[in-house]
Amino acid sequence: MEPIKRADAKQEYTSFIPVKRTKRGLEFYLQKRDLKPVNNPGLFAEFGGHIEKGEDLLSSLYRELQEELRYTP
């Protein structure tokens, strides 16, 4: 796995979309952003955030899972 870095981004970030297999197929879980953020207010988005200095990709992903969903793998 490699961190994602947008061309205009100053920092790397990690993101993820939880997926659940059901009898009807796959369910994808997104978050709806509130109306306060400067970027993409009110839209659906993946979970994630910036990779902190000295943090590797997997540690960042686990931290974001805990912060965003209160889930510890």
N, C-alpha and C. Protein backbone atom coordinates (compact mmCIF):
# COMPACT_ATOMS: atom_id res chain seq x y z
N MET A 1 0.84 -1.18 0.00
CA MET A 1 0.00 0.00 0.00
C MET A 1 0.88 1.24 0.00
N GLU A 2 0.44 2.22 -0.73
CA GLU A 2 1.15 3.50 -0.78
C GLU A 2 0.20 4.61 -0.35
N PRO A 3 0.69 5.59 0.38
CA PRO A 3 -0.17 6.72 0.75
C PRO A 3 -0.63 7.47 -0.50
N ILE A 4 -1.81 8.04 -0.41
CA ILE A 4 -2.33 8.85 -1.49
C ILE A 4 -1.85 10.28 -1.29
N LYS A 5 -1.41 10.91 -2.35
CA LYS A 5 -1.00 12.31 -2.24
C LYS A 5 -1.51 13.06 -3.46
N ARG A 6 -2.44 13.98 -3.23
CA ARG A 6 -2.94 14.81 -4.32
C ARG A 6 -1.83 15.73 -4.80
N ALA A 7 -1.93 16.14 -6.03
CA ALA A 7 -0.91 17.02 -6.59
C ALA A 7 -0.79 18.33 -5.81
N ASP A 8 -1.92 18.83 -5.28
CA ASP A 8 -1.90 20.10 -4.55
C ASP A 8 -1.76 19.92 -3.04
N ALA A 9 -1.66 18.69 -2.58
CA ALA A 9 -1.59 18.42 -1.14
C ALA A 9 -0.19 18.67 -0.59
N LYS A 10 -0.14 19.20 0.60
CA LYS A 10 1.14 19.42 1.27
C LYS A 10 1.49 18.25 2.18
N GLN A 11 0.54 17.37 2.40
CA GLN A 11 0.73 16.26 3.31
C GLN A 11 0.04 15.01 2.78
N GLU A 12 0.60 13.84 3.07
CA GLU A 12 -0.02 12.58 2.65
C GLU A 12 -1.21 12.30 3.56
N TYR A 13 -2.15 11.55 3.02
CA TYR A 13 -3.31 11.18 3.83
C TYR A 13 -3.73 9.76 3.49
N THR A 14 -4.52 9.21 4.38
CA THR A 14 -5.04 7.87 4.19
C THR A 14 -6.56 7.96 4.14
N SER A 15 -7.18 7.09 3.39
CA SER A 15 -8.64 7.05 3.35
C SER A 15 -9.09 5.61 3.14
N PHE A 16 -10.32 5.35 3.52
CA PHE A 16 -10.84 3.99 3.40
C PHE A 16 -12.36 4.04 3.29
N ILE A 17 -12.91 3.01 2.67
CA ILE A 17 -14.35 2.84 2.56
C ILE A 17 -14.68 1.45 3.09
N PRO A 18 -15.35 1.37 4.24
CA PRO A 18 -15.74 0.05 4.75
C PRO A 18 -16.73 -0.62 3.80
N VAL A 19 -16.56 -1.93 3.62
CA VAL A 19 -17.40 -2.72 2.72
C VAL A 19 -17.92 -3.94 3.48
N LYS A 20 -19.19 -4.25 3.28
CA LYS A 20 -19.80 -5.43 3.91
C LYS A 20 -20.46 -6.27 2.82
N ARG A 21 -20.16 -7.57 2.84
CA ARG A 21 -20.78 -8.49 1.88
C ARG A 21 -22.09 -8.98 2.48
N THR A 22 -23.18 -8.85 1.73
CA THR A 22 -24.49 -9.31 2.17
C THR A 22 -25.07 -10.26 1.13
N LYS A 23 -26.23 -10.80 1.42
CA LYS A 23 -26.90 -11.69 0.47
C LYS A 23 -27.26 -10.95 -0.82
N ARG A 24 -27.46 -9.63 -0.72
CA ARG A 24 -27.84 -8.82 -1.88
C ARG A 24 -26.64 -8.29 -2.65
N GLY A 25 -25.45 -8.49 -2.11
CA GLY A 25 -24.25 -7.97 -2.76
C GLY A 25 -23.38 -7.23 -1.77
N LEU A 26 -22.67 -6.23 -2.24
CA LEU A 26 -21.77 -5.46 -1.38
C LEU A 26 -22.44 -4.17 -0.93
N GLU A 27 -22.22 -3.81 0.34
CA GLU A 27 -22.68 -2.53 0.87
C GLU A 27 -21.44 -1.69 1.16
N PHE A 28 -21.44 -0.46 0.68
CA PHE A 28 -20.34 0.46 0.92
C PHE A 28 -20.81 1.53 1.89
N TYR A 29 -19.97 1.86 2.87
CA TYR A 29 -20.33 2.83 3.89
C TYR A 29 -19.51 4.10 3.72
N LEU A 30 -20.22 5.21 3.57
CA LEU A 30 -19.58 6.52 3.43
C LEU A 30 -20.07 7.42 4.56
N GLN A 31 -19.38 8.51 4.77
CA GLN A 31 -19.85 9.49 5.75
C GLN A 31 -20.37 10.72 5.01
N LYS A 32 -21.40 11.33 5.58
CA LYS A 32 -21.90 12.57 4.99
C LYS A 32 -21.24 13.72 5.76
N ARG A 33 -20.53 14.55 5.03
CA ARG A 33 -19.83 15.68 5.65
C ARG A 33 -20.85 16.71 6.12
N ASP A 34 -20.57 17.34 7.26
CA ASP A 34 -21.47 18.38 7.72
C ASP A 34 -21.29 19.63 6.86
N LEU A 35 -22.00 20.67 7.16
CA LEU A 35 -21.98 21.86 6.31
C LEU A 35 -20.88 22.85 6.69
N LYS A 36 -20.08 22.53 7.71
CA LYS A 36 -19.04 23.45 8.18
C LYS A 36 -17.71 23.36 7.42
N PRO A 37 -17.28 22.19 6.92
CA PRO A 37 -15.97 22.13 6.26
C PRO A 37 -15.88 23.04 5.04
N VAL A 38 -14.68 23.53 4.80
CA VAL A 38 -14.43 24.36 3.62
C VAL A 38 -14.52 23.51 2.36
N ASN A 39 -14.01 22.29 2.43
CA ASN A 39 -14.00 21.40 1.27
C ASN A 39 -15.19 20.45 1.29
N ASN A 40 -15.97 20.48 0.23
CA ASN A 40 -17.06 19.53 -0.01
C ASN A 40 -18.10 19.44 1.11
N PRO A 41 -18.62 20.56 1.61
CA PRO A 41 -19.62 20.50 2.67
C PRO A 41 -20.91 19.82 2.19
N GLY A 42 -21.49 18.97 3.05
CA GLY A 42 -22.76 18.33 2.73
C GLY A 42 -22.68 17.16 1.77
N LEU A 43 -21.48 16.82 1.32
CA LEU A 43 -21.34 15.71 0.38
C LEU A 43 -20.93 14.43 1.09
N PHE A 44 -21.09 13.29 0.41
CA PHE A 44 -20.64 12.03 0.95
C PHE A 44 -19.15 11.86 0.64
N ALA A 45 -18.43 11.25 1.58
CA ALA A 45 -16.98 11.10 1.42
C ALA A 45 -16.52 9.82 2.11
N GLU A 46 -15.31 9.40 1.77
CA GLU A 46 -14.69 8.26 2.43
C GLU A 46 -14.21 8.70 3.82
N PHE A 47 -13.88 7.76 4.67
CA PHE A 47 -13.31 8.04 5.97
C PHE A 47 -11.80 8.22 5.81
N GLY A 48 -11.17 8.96 6.69
CA GLY A 48 -9.72 9.09 6.63
C GLY A 48 -9.24 10.43 7.12
N GLY A 49 -7.95 10.66 6.93
CA GLY A 49 -7.33 11.90 7.35
C GLY A 49 -5.85 11.90 7.06
N HIS A 50 -5.18 12.93 7.53
CA HIS A 50 -3.76 13.09 7.27
C HIS A 50 -2.91 12.07 8.03
N ILE A 51 -1.82 11.68 7.41
CA ILE A 51 -0.84 10.82 8.06
C ILE A 51 0.06 11.74 8.88
N GLU A 52 0.12 11.48 10.17
CA GLU A 52 0.90 12.33 11.06
C GLU A 52 2.40 12.08 10.88
N LYS A 53 3.19 13.07 11.21
CA LYS A 53 4.64 12.99 11.07
C LYS A 53 5.17 11.78 11.86
N GLY A 54 5.99 10.96 11.20
CA GLY A 54 6.58 9.78 11.83
C GLY A 54 5.66 8.57 11.87
N GLU A 55 4.46 8.69 11.33
CA GLU A 55 3.48 7.60 11.35
C GLU A 55 3.52 6.85 10.02
N ASP A 56 3.44 5.52 10.07
CA ASP A 56 3.38 4.77 8.82
C ASP A 56 1.92 4.64 8.37
N LEU A 57 1.72 4.16 7.16
CA LEU A 57 0.40 4.11 6.56
C LEU A 57 -0.58 3.25 7.37
N LEU A 58 -0.16 2.07 7.78
CA LEU A 58 -1.05 1.18 8.51
C LEU A 58 -1.43 1.75 9.88
N SER A 59 -0.46 2.33 10.59
CA SER A 59 -0.76 2.95 11.88
C SER A 59 -1.74 4.10 11.71
N SER A 60 -1.56 4.86 10.65
CA SER A 60 -2.47 5.97 10.36
C SER A 60 -3.88 5.46 10.09
N LEU A 61 -3.98 4.39 9.33
CA LEU A 61 -5.28 3.81 9.02
C LEU A 61 -5.97 3.34 10.29
N TYR A 62 -5.26 2.64 11.16
CA TYR A 62 -5.84 2.17 12.42
C TYR A 62 -6.27 3.34 13.30
N ARG A 63 -5.46 4.40 13.34
CA ARG A 63 -5.82 5.57 14.15
C ARG A 63 -7.09 6.21 13.60
N GLU A 64 -7.16 6.32 12.28
CA GLU A 64 -8.35 6.92 11.67
C GLU A 64 -9.59 6.06 11.90
N LEU A 65 -9.45 4.73 11.84
CA LEU A 65 -10.58 3.84 12.15
C LEU A 65 -11.11 4.12 13.55
N GLN A 66 -10.20 4.28 14.50
CA GLN A 66 -10.59 4.55 15.89
C GLN A 66 -11.24 5.93 16.00
N GLU A 67 -10.63 6.94 15.40
CA GLU A 67 -11.15 8.31 15.50
C GLU A 67 -12.50 8.46 14.80
N GLU A 68 -12.63 7.92 13.61
CA GLU A 68 -13.83 8.13 12.81
C GLU A 68 -14.99 7.21 13.19
N LEU A 69 -14.67 5.94 13.50
CA LEU A 69 -15.71 4.95 13.71
C LEU A 69 -15.72 4.31 15.10
N ARG A 70 -14.74 4.70 15.93
CA ARG A 70 -14.60 4.08 17.26
C ARG A 70 -14.44 2.57 17.15
N TYR A 71 -13.68 2.15 16.14
CA TYR A 71 -13.43 0.72 15.87
C TYR A 71 -11.94 0.45 15.96
N THR A 72 -11.58 -0.59 16.71
CA THR A 72 -10.18 -1.00 16.82
C THR A 72 -10.05 -2.40 16.25
N PRO A 73 -9.33 -2.56 15.12
CA PRO A 73 -9.18 -3.89 14.53
C PRO A 73 -8.27 -4.78 15.36
